[in-house]
Amino acid sequence: MEDLLILVNIILAVILIIVILLQRSEGGALGLGVSQDNFTSARSVGTFLTKFTSIIAALFIICSIAIVAISRDELRETQSVLEQEEEENPNLPQIPQSK
């Protein structure tokens, strides 16, 4: 299940990159050279590509959160590295406890 979600997440990331690169630039680089015309166009209704970008971005975030939730469940079943080492070699010196 986790592998399938990772594959879907990679596909969504590639689609998101392509859709963002297809969009028309709305101004200067990083806000440089912004004029009043750009503010009015930013408030206009979004085109198909901007709506599609927001949908793909939302799916990407949801898929990423699902991957984290699944991987956290798997991590709870495992032990820490110190506990695994103690089970394999019980004759190792013990870590002193702090007071």
C-alpha atoms as a PDB file:
ATOM      1  CA  MET A   1       0.000   0.000   0.000  1.00  0.00           C
ATOM      2  CA  GLU A   2       2.808   2.356   0.892  1.00  0.00           C
ATOM      3  CA  ASP A   3       4.614   1.614  -2.370  1.00  0.00           C
ATOM      4  CA  LEU A   4       1.472   2.414  -4.349  1.00  0.00           C
ATOM      5  CA  LEU A   5       1.043   5.732  -2.523  1.00  0.00           C
ATOM      6  CA  ILE A   6       4.678   6.631  -3.145  1.00  0.00           C
ATOM      7  CA  LEU A   7       4.242   5.899  -6.849  1.00  0.00           C
ATOM      8  CA  VAL A   8       1.073   8.016  -6.977  1.00  0.00           C
ATOM      9  CA  ASN A   9       2.876  10.809  -5.105  1.00  0.00           C
ATOM     10  CA  ILE A  10       5.749  10.789  -7.613  1.00  0.00           C
ATOM     11  CA  ILE A  11       3.305  10.888 -10.541  1.00  0.00           C
ATOM     12  CA  LEU A  12       1.410  13.780  -8.927  1.00  0.00           C
ATOM     13  CA  ALA A  13       4.683  15.646  -8.372  1.00  0.00           C
ATOM     14  CA  VAL A  14       5.671  15.272 -12.031  1.00  0.00           C
ATOM     15  CA  ILE A  15       2.205  16.388 -13.195  1.00  0.00           C
ATOM     16  CA  LEU A  16       2.351  19.355 -10.809  1.00  0.00           C
ATOM     17  CA  ILE A  17       5.739  20.436 -12.165  1.00  0.00           C
ATOM     18  CA  ILE A  18       4.543  20.176 -15.763  1.00  0.00           C
ATOM     19  CA  VAL A  19       1.327  22.107 -15.096  1.00  0.00           C
ATOM     20  CA  ILE A  20       3.189  24.876 -13.265  1.00  0.00           C
ATOM     21  CA  LEU A  21       5.682  25.199 -16.110  1.00  0.00           C
ATOM     22  CA  LEU A  22       2.848  25.429 -18.657  1.00  0.00           C
ATOM     23  CA  GLN A  23       1.274  28.435 -16.955  1.00  0.00           C
ATOM     24  CA  ARG A  24       1.806  31.954 -18.194  1.00  0.00           C
ATOM     25  CA  SER A  25       4.099  34.147 -16.127  1.00  0.00           C
ATOM     26  CA  GLU A  26       2.184  36.885 -14.294  1.00  0.00           C
ATOM     27  CA  GLY A  27       5.002  39.320 -13.617  1.00  0.00           C
ATOM     28  CA  GLY A  28       8.636  39.801 -12.829  1.00  0.00           C
ATOM     29  CA  ALA A  29      10.815  37.322 -11.071  1.00  0.00           C
ATOM     30  CA  LEU A  30       9.978  37.020  -7.382  1.00  0.00           C
ATOM     31  CA  GLY A  31       7.816  40.118  -7.370  1.00  0.00           C
ATOM     32  CA  LEU A  32      10.318  42.422  -9.056  1.00  0.00           C
ATOM     33  CA  GLY A  33       8.851  44.887 -11.513  1.00  0.00           C
ATOM     34  CA  VAL A  34       5.262  44.530 -10.347  1.00  0.00           C
ATOM     35  CA  SER A  35       2.829  47.053 -11.789  1.00  0.00           C
ATOM     36  CA  GLN A  36      -0.790  47.857 -10.966  1.00  0.00           C
ATOM     37  CA  ASP A  37      -1.968  45.806 -13.948  1.00  0.00           C
ATOM     38  CA  ASN A  38      -0.726  42.625 -12.322  1.00  0.00           C
ATOM     39  CA  PHE A  39      -2.797  43.225  -9.196  1.00  0.00           C
ATOM     40  CA  THR A  40      -6.032  43.388 -11.181  1.00  0.00           C
ATOM     41  CA  SER A  41      -5.208  40.248 -13.159  1.00  0.00           C
ATOM     42  CA  ALA A  42      -4.342  38.366  -9.967  1.00  0.00           C
ATOM     43  CA  ARG A  43      -7.868  38.985  -8.658  1.00  0.00           C
ATOM     44  CA  SER A  44      -9.560  37.716 -11.803  1.00  0.00           C
ATOM     45  CA  VAL A  45     -11.144  34.295 -12.038  1.00  0.00           C
ATOM     46  CA  GLY A  46      -8.595  31.516 -12.340  1.00  0.00           C
ATOM     47  CA  THR A  47      -8.125  29.719 -15.606  1.00  0.00           C
ATOM     48  CA  PHE A  48      -8.305  25.998 -16.119  1.00  0.00           C
ATOM     49  CA  LEU A  49      -4.593  25.553 -15.456  1.00  0.00           C
ATOM     50  CA  THR A  50      -4.690  27.368 -12.119  1.00  0.00           C
ATOM     51  CA  LYS A  51      -7.699  25.349 -10.967  1.00  0.00           C
ATOM     52  CA  PHE A  52      -6.057  22.146 -12.164  1.00  0.00           C
ATOM     53  CA  THR A  53      -2.844  23.131 -10.347  1.00  0.00           C
ATOM     54  CA  SER A  54      -4.694  23.660  -7.076  1.00  0.00           C
ATOM     55  CA  ILE A  55      -6.465  20.292  -7.400  1.00  0.00           C
ATOM     56  CA  ILE A  56      -3.210  18.450  -8.136  1.00  0.00           C
ATOM     57  CA  ALA A  57      -1.457  20.265  -5.273  1.00  0.00           C
ATOM     58  CA  ALA A  58      -4.240  19.294  -2.854  1.00  0.00           C
ATOM     59  CA  LEU A  59      -4.040  15.653  -3.983  1.00  0.00           C
ATOM     60  CA  PHE A  60      -0.251  15.750  -3.582  1.00  0.00           C
ATOM     61  CA  ILE A  61      -0.535  17.055  -0.010  1.00  0.00           C
ATOM     62  CA  ILE A  62      -3.218  14.506   0.909  1.00  0.00           C
ATOM     63  CA  CYS A  63      -1.136  11.689  -0.565  1.00  0.00           C
ATOM     64  CA  SER A  64       1.961  12.892   1.324  1.00  0.00           C
ATOM     65  CA  ILE A  65       0.049  12.980   4.618  1.00  0.00           C
ATOM     66  CA  ALA A  66      -1.275   9.463   3.957  1.00  0.00           C
ATOM     67  CA  ILE A  67       2.267   8.188   3.343  1.00  0.00           C
ATOM     68  CA  VAL A  68       3.435   9.699   6.633  1.00  0.00           C
ATOM     69  CA  ALA A  69       0.484   8.199   8.517  1.00  0.00           C
ATOM     70  CA  ILE A  70       1.127   4.736   7.102  1.00  0.00           C
ATOM     71  CA  SER A  71       4.867   4.887   7.765  1.00  0.00           C
ATOM     72  CA  ARG A  72       4.304   6.042  11.362  1.00  0.00           C
ATOM     73  CA  ASP A  73       2.125   2.974  12.001  1.00  0.00           C
ATOM     74  CA  GLU A  74       4.933   0.750  10.736  1.00  0.00           C
ATOM     75  CA  LEU A  75       7.502   2.550  12.907  1.00  0.00           C
ATOM     76  CA  ARG A  76       5.501   1.919  16.072  1.00  0.00           C
ATOM     77  CA  GLU A  77       5.882  -1.818  15.566  1.00  0.00           C
ATOM     78  CA  THR A  78       9.681  -1.661  15.432  1.00  0.00           C
ATOM     79  CA  GLN A  79      12.053  -1.225  18.327  1.00  0.00           C
ATOM     80  CA  SER A  80      14.743   1.347  18.797  1.00  0.00           C
ATOM     81  CA  VAL A  81      18.285   0.551  17.724  1.00  0.00           C
ATOM     82  CA  LEU A  82      19.449   0.255  21.352  1.00  0.00           C
ATOM     83  CA  GLU A  83      16.722  -2.259  22.192  1.00  0.00           C
ATOM     84  CA  GLN A  84      17.572  -4.360  19.149  1.00  0.00           C
ATOM     85  CA  GLU A  85      21.252  -4.341  20.087  1.00  0.00           C
ATOM     86  CA  GLU A  86      20.495  -5.400  23.673  1.00  0.00           C
ATOM     87  CA  GLU A  87      18.440  -8.366  22.449  1.00  0.00           C
ATOM     88  CA  GLU A  88      21.197  -9.508  20.076  1.00  0.00           C
ATOM     89  CA  ASN A  89      24.094  -9.084  22.573  1.00  0.00           C
ATOM     90  CA  PRO A  90      22.929  -9.265  26.193  1.00  0.00           C
ATOM     91  CA  ASN A  91      26.542  -9.156  27.508  1.00  0.00           C
ATOM     92  CA  LEU A  92      27.144  -5.568  26.398  1.00  0.00           C
ATOM     93  CA  PRO A  93      27.888  -3.017  29.114  1.00  0.00           C
ATOM     94  CA  GLN A  94      24.810  -1.145  30.314  1.00  0.00           C
ATOM     95  CA  ILE A  95      24.287   2.568  29.822  1.00  0.00           C
ATOM     96  CA  PRO A  96      24.463   4.316  33.216  1.00  0.00           C
ATOM     97  CA  GLN A  97      21.203   5.905  34.354  1.00  0.00           C
ATOM     98  CA  SER A  98      21.180   9.615  35.090  1.00  0.00           C
ATOM     99  CA  LYS A  99      19.985  10.795  38.500  1.00  0.00           C
END
